[in-house]
Amino acid sequence: MKKWIFLIGILLIIAFVMFSTLISRIPVGDRIAVVKINGVIVNPVPLLKKLERLRRDKSVKALVLRIDSPGGSVGASQEIYRALERFKAEGKPVVVSMGNVAASGGYYVAVPADYIYANPGTITGSIGVIIQHVTYRELLDKIGIKATAIKTGKFKDTLSPLRELTSEEREYLKETITDAYEQFLTAILKYRKNKITEEKLREIADGRVLTGRKAVEVGLVDGIGGLQDAIDKARELAGVPKAREFFVPEERTLLQKILGGDIEELKLLHAHTPLFYIMDF
């Protein structure tokens, strides 16, 4: 008899949890959406679709963005940044909660937020741009393989792994990353110029990483706190103290579900861009 009572109790608890989760997703009443950004930022489309749906959902009064990312491609980071601006244009506040890492592009996407939280030991910063080039020329020479490129312009095969970069190409690439770097600084100052001066920003925007505590000191982050602090702040900024939070489900491919990860290396291989706002590790 006791076993049956225990079993029924367990089933009731499971049913209650499932019911509560289902209710939180029903678009009625005031709600706070919690969206996660995990891993390398390369394909922004699934997240952009979520943000657009939430922007149009009148029951969603604010957004909490939970970031655990070392960054990613420049274009993808910028698209997410712009989507958050569109979300805020509806009068809905955005609060960021940084997890273990929110560096480089992971910091870039946090910048438009009305308030940014980090844990004391969160790794953030790493403001900068990187282009990496690997060459297999010496290896191919050793095994007797020679490669030829027929091209329409001198820069068409820049970053080819089949040859070294020329001095002219190095200068051209430096100009490219300098432009992307200045875009990064401009994006930060657009929302944080009252918290960090351009002079101070340039001083620390040399690729260095910072702890969450240090990031608060220099003005890159607003406060120390975790996810629940961010949810409470979102309620406060939206003026809806009793709003229900709900976690927007992550979309995962079958392969990701089987392997249990985001397969970051494959994401990078298929990024089709050499330009990254990413923490090198």
Protein backbone atom coordinates (compact mmCIF):
# COMPACT_ATOMS: atom_id res chain seq x y z
CA MET A 1 0.00 0.00 0.00
CA LYS A 2 2.82 2.41 0.92
CA LYS A 3 4.50 1.69 -2.40
CA TRP A 4 1.32 2.65 -4.27
CA ILE A 5 0.97 5.87 -2.28
CA PHE A 6 4.62 6.71 -2.98
CA LEU A 7 4.21 5.96 -6.71
CA ILE A 8 1.05 8.06 -6.96
CA GLY A 9 2.83 10.91 -5.18
CA ILE A 10 5.73 10.80 -7.64
CA LEU A 11 3.33 10.78 -10.60
CA LEU A 12 1.43 13.76 -9.18
CA ILE A 13 4.67 15.72 -8.76
CA ILE A 14 5.71 14.93 -12.34
CA ALA A 15 2.27 15.91 -13.61
CA PHE A 16 2.40 19.18 -11.66
CA VAL A 17 5.83 20.09 -13.04
CA MET A 18 4.74 19.30 -16.60
CA PHE A 19 1.53 21.27 -16.15
CA SER A 20 3.42 24.26 -14.73
CA THR A 21 5.87 24.19 -17.66
CA LEU A 22 3.00 24.01 -20.15
CA ILE A 23 1.11 26.86 -18.48
CA SER A 24 4.20 29.09 -18.52
CA ARG A 25 4.37 28.78 -22.32
CA ILE A 26 0.75 29.76 -22.89
CA PRO A 27 0.75 33.37 -24.15
CA VAL A 28 -1.60 34.81 -21.53
CA GLY A 29 -0.83 37.33 -18.82
CA ASP A 30 2.51 39.08 -18.42
CA ARG A 31 5.57 36.95 -19.20
CA ILE A 32 9.34 37.26 -19.11
CA ALA A 33 11.07 35.28 -21.88
CA VAL A 34 14.40 33.60 -21.14
CA VAL A 35 16.47 32.79 -24.23
CA LYS A 36 19.83 31.01 -24.18
CA ILE A 37 22.82 31.59 -26.43
CA ASN A 38 25.19 28.65 -26.07
CA GLY A 39 28.43 27.92 -27.88
CA VAL A 40 29.99 29.51 -30.92
CA ILE A 41 27.84 32.09 -32.71
CA VAL A 42 27.77 31.20 -36.39
CA ASN A 43 24.23 30.60 -37.61
CA PRO A 44 21.98 33.27 -36.06
CA VAL A 45 18.79 32.40 -37.96
CA PRO A 46 17.11 30.14 -35.34
CA LEU A 47 17.71 32.75 -32.65
CA LEU A 48 16.56 35.61 -34.90
CA LYS A 49 13.27 33.80 -35.50
CA LYS A 50 12.75 33.38 -31.75
CA LEU A 51 13.47 37.02 -31.04
CA GLU A 52 11.09 38.17 -33.75
CA ARG A 53 8.30 35.96 -32.40
CA LEU A 54 8.89 37.29 -28.89
CA ARG A 55 8.98 40.86 -30.17
CA ARG A 56 5.52 40.44 -31.66
CA ASP A 57 4.10 38.54 -28.67
CA LYS A 58 2.19 41.09 -26.59
CA SER A 59 2.27 38.86 -23.51
CA VAL A 60 6.09 39.05 -23.46
CA LYS A 61 7.04 42.16 -21.50
CA ALA A 62 10.81 41.67 -21.29
CA LEU A 63 13.64 39.41 -22.39
CA VAL A 64 16.41 37.78 -20.39
CA LEU A 65 19.31 36.65 -22.56
CA ARG A 66 21.47 33.95 -20.96
CA ILE A 67 24.86 33.93 -22.70
CA ASP A 68 27.45 31.17 -22.55
CA SER A 69 29.57 31.82 -25.62
CA PRO A 70 33.19 32.61 -26.54
CA GLY A 71 31.90 34.56 -29.56
CA GLY A 72 31.72 33.70 -33.22
CA SER A 73 31.52 35.21 -36.68
CA VAL A 74 31.27 38.98 -37.05
CA GLY A 75 28.16 39.04 -39.22
CA ALA A 76 26.20 36.64 -37.02
CA SER A 77 27.02 38.62 -33.87
CA GLN A 78 25.92 41.83 -35.56
CA GLU A 79 22.61 40.32 -36.69
CA ILE A 80 21.75 39.28 -33.14
CA TYR A 81 22.76 42.73 -31.88
CA ARG A 82 20.35 44.32 -34.39
CA ALA A 83 17.55 41.90 -33.50
CA LEU A 84 17.86 42.94 -29.85
CA GLU A 85 17.61 46.58 -30.90
CA ARG A 86 14.39 45.77 -32.74
CA PHE A 87 13.06 43.98 -29.66
CA LYS A 88 13.84 46.99 -27.46
CA ALA A 89 12.17 49.33 -29.96
CA GLU A 90 8.86 47.79 -28.86
CA GLY A 91 9.44 49.23 -25.40
CA LYS A 92 10.47 45.87 -23.98
CA PRO A 93 13.61 45.80 -21.80
CA VAL A 94 16.45 43.34 -22.31
CA VAL A 95 18.57 42.00 -19.45
CA VAL A 96 21.65 39.83 -19.96
CA SER A 97 22.84 37.07 -17.64
CA MET A 98 26.39 35.94 -18.41
CA GLY A 99 27.24 32.35 -17.56
CA ASN A 100 30.71 30.83 -17.67
CA VAL A 101 31.86 32.76 -20.73
CA ALA A 102 30.49 35.75 -22.61
CA ALA A 103 33.54 36.94 -24.49
CA SER A 104 34.25 38.71 -27.77
CA GLY A 105 31.13 38.15 -29.93
CA GLY A 106 29.47 36.79 -26.78
CA TYR A 107 29.99 40.22 -25.24
CA TYR A 108 29.06 42.01 -28.48
CA VAL A 109 25.54 40.55 -28.43
CA ALA A 110 25.12 41.56 -24.78
CA VAL A 111 25.85 45.24 -25.38
CA PRO A 112 22.33 46.46 -26.37
CA ALA A 113 20.90 45.17 -23.07
CA ASP A 114 19.42 47.61 -20.57
CA TYR A 115 21.33 45.82 -17.82
CA ILE A 116 24.14 43.25 -17.91
CA TYR A 117 24.81 40.79 -15.08
CA ALA A 118 27.89 38.60 -14.77
CA ASN A 119 29.08 36.18 -12.14
CA PRO A 120 32.25 37.26 -10.32
CA GLY A 121 34.23 34.61 -12.19
CA THR A 122 32.54 34.91 -15.59
CA ILE A 123 35.09 35.24 -18.40
CA THR A 124 34.20 38.21 -20.58
CA GLY A 125 35.90 40.94 -22.57
CA SER A 126 38.23 39.61 -25.29
CA ILE A 127 37.23 42.61 -27.40
CA GLY A 128 38.90 42.31 -30.77
CA VAL A 129 38.91 40.62 -34.15
CA ILE A 130 40.88 37.64 -35.38
CA ILE A 131 41.67 36.11 -38.76
CA GLN A 132 43.56 32.84 -38.67
CA HIS A 133 45.55 31.35 -41.53
CA VAL A 134 46.97 27.86 -41.77
CA THR A 135 49.25 26.78 -44.61
CA TYR A 136 50.01 23.21 -45.75
CA ARG A 137 52.56 24.22 -48.38
CA GLU A 138 55.62 22.61 -46.78
CA LEU A 139 53.72 19.42 -46.07
CA LEU A 140 52.47 19.22 -49.66
CA ASP A 141 55.98 19.85 -50.98
CA LYS A 142 57.29 16.92 -48.94
CA ILE A 143 54.79 14.50 -50.42
CA GLY A 144 55.16 15.82 -53.96
CA ILE A 145 51.83 17.59 -54.36
CA LYS A 146 51.78 20.94 -56.14
CA ALA A 147 48.81 23.29 -56.33
CA THR A 148 48.03 26.01 -58.86
CA ALA A 149 45.39 28.75 -58.67
CA ILE A 150 44.07 30.64 -61.68
CA LYS A 151 42.43 33.80 -60.41
CA THR A 152 40.93 37.06 -61.61
CA GLY A 153 42.59 39.25 -59.00
CA LYS A 154 45.59 39.22 -56.72
CA PHE A 155 43.49 38.90 -53.55
CA LYS A 156 41.08 36.23 -54.83
CA ASP A 157 42.87 33.35 -53.09
CA THR A 158 44.03 35.26 -50.02
CA LEU A 159 44.04 32.89 -47.01
CA SER A 160 44.48 29.87 -49.25
CA PRO A 161 46.14 27.11 -47.21
CA LEU A 162 48.23 26.23 -50.27
CA ARG A 163 50.58 29.19 -49.99
CA GLU A 164 52.01 31.83 -47.66
CA LEU A 165 50.53 35.30 -47.40
CA THR A 166 52.27 38.12 -49.24
CA SER A 167 53.18 41.33 -47.40
CA GLU A 168 50.52 43.14 -49.43
CA GLU A 169 47.90 40.61 -48.35
CA ARG A 170 48.90 41.00 -44.71
CA GLU A 171 48.37 44.75 -44.96
CA TYR A 172 45.03 44.25 -46.72
CA LEU A 173 43.85 41.83 -44.01
CA LYS A 174 45.01 44.19 -41.29
CA GLU A 175 42.87 46.95 -42.80
CA THR A 176 39.91 44.57 -42.87
CA ILE A 177 40.15 43.55 -39.23
CA THR A 178 40.80 47.14 -38.17
CA ASP A 179 37.49 48.12 -39.77
CA ALA A 180 35.68 45.27 -37.98
CA TYR A 181 37.43 46.23 -34.74
CA GLU A 182 36.25 49.84 -35.01
CA GLN A 183 32.72 48.56 -35.62
CA PHE A 184 33.00 46.58 -32.38
CA LEU A 185 34.05 49.66 -30.39
CA THR A 186 31.31 51.78 -31.97
CA ALA A 187 28.72 49.13 -31.06
CA ILE A 188 29.86 49.19 -27.42
CA LEU A 189 30.00 52.97 -27.09
CA LYS A 190 26.53 53.32 -28.59
CA TYR A 191 25.05 51.84 -25.40
CA ARG A 192 27.79 52.20 -22.79
CA LYS A 193 29.39 55.59 -23.39
CA ASN A 194 28.02 56.80 -20.04
CA LYS A 195 29.73 53.90 -18.27
CA ILE A 196 33.07 53.67 -20.02
CA THR A 197 35.02 56.31 -21.93
CA GLU A 198 36.37 55.66 -25.40
CA GLU A 199 39.88 56.10 -24.06
CA LYS A 200 39.37 53.48 -21.36
CA LEU A 201 37.63 51.15 -23.80
CA ARG A 202 40.52 51.28 -26.25
CA GLU A 203 42.92 50.61 -23.40
CA ILE A 204 41.25 47.32 -22.49
CA ALA A 205 40.03 46.35 -25.98
CA ASP A 206 43.26 44.58 -26.85
CA GLY A 207 41.91 41.03 -26.74
CA ARG A 208 42.40 40.57 -23.00
CA VAL A 209 39.81 38.64 -21.02
CA LEU A 210 38.32 39.99 -17.81
CA THR A 211 36.52 38.39 -14.90
CA GLY A 212 32.97 39.50 -14.26
CA ARG A 213 34.09 41.45 -11.22
CA LYS A 214 36.76 43.33 -13.17
CA ALA A 215 34.29 43.97 -16.02
CA VAL A 216 31.98 45.73 -13.54
CA GLU A 217 34.88 47.88 -12.34
CA VAL A 218 35.76 49.10 -15.85
CA GLY A 219 32.16 49.57 -16.98
CA LEU A 220 31.61 46.69 -19.41
CA VAL A 221 29.09 45.04 -17.08
CA ASP A 222 26.49 46.62 -14.78
CA GLY A 223 26.33 44.27 -11.84
CA ILE A 224 27.24 40.97 -10.24
CA GLY A 225 24.43 38.44 -10.28
CA GLY A 226 23.04 35.24 -11.72
CA LEU A 227 20.12 34.21 -13.86
CA GLN A 228 17.46 34.77 -11.22
CA ASP A 229 18.82 38.26 -10.56
CA ALA A 230 18.44 38.98 -14.26
CA ILE A 231 14.85 37.71 -14.27
CA ASP A 232 14.00 39.90 -11.27
CA LYS A 233 15.63 42.91 -12.94
CA ALA A 234 13.63 42.29 -16.12
CA ARG A 235 10.42 42.31 -14.08
CA GLU A 236 11.51 45.55 -12.42
CA LEU A 237 12.44 47.32 -15.67
CA ALA A 238 9.23 46.19 -17.38
CA GLY A 239 7.11 47.20 -14.39
CA VAL A 240 5.53 43.75 -14.11
CA PRO A 241 6.54 42.35 -10.69
CA LYS A 242 4.26 39.31 -11.01
CA ALA A 243 5.15 38.33 -14.56
CA ARG A 244 5.84 34.63 -15.15
CA GLU A 245 9.18 33.65 -16.61
CA PHE A 246 9.36 30.99 -19.29
CA PHE A 247 12.34 29.40 -20.96
CA VAL A 248 12.16 29.41 -24.74
CA PRO A 249 13.04 25.87 -25.92
CA GLU A 250 16.31 25.40 -27.75
CA GLU A 251 16.12 24.05 -31.29
CA ARG A 252 18.56 21.17 -31.71
CA THR A 253 19.25 18.96 -34.67
CA LEU A 254 18.98 15.18 -34.41
CA LEU A 255 22.79 14.90 -34.54
CA GLN A 256 23.14 17.40 -31.69
CA LYS A 257 20.62 15.46 -29.63
CA ILE A 258 22.51 12.20 -30.23
CA LEU A 259 25.95 13.64 -29.50
CA GLY A 260 24.72 15.88 -26.71
CA GLY A 261 26.65 18.95 -27.84
CA ASP A 262 26.72 21.89 -30.18
CA ILE A 263 29.53 20.47 -32.35
CA GLU A 264 31.37 23.78 -32.27
CA GLU A 265 34.19 22.68 -34.55
CA LEU A 266 31.76 21.80 -37.32
CA LYS A 267 30.05 25.17 -36.90
CA LEU A 268 33.34 26.95 -37.45
CA LEU A 269 34.25 24.81 -40.46
CA HIS A 270 30.96 25.74 -42.13
CA ALA A 271 30.99 29.41 -41.16
CA HIS A 272 32.23 30.48 -44.64
CA THR A 273 33.95 33.50 -43.12
CA PRO A 274 37.51 34.09 -41.92
CA LEU A 275 36.48 37.04 -39.73
CA PHE A 276 35.59 36.39 -36.10
CA TYR A 277 34.74 38.16 -32.90
CA ILE A 278 35.88 35.13 -30.90
CA MET A 279 38.03 34.35 -27.88
CA ASP A 280 41.00 32.30 -29.08
CA PHE A 281 41.47 29.13 -27.02
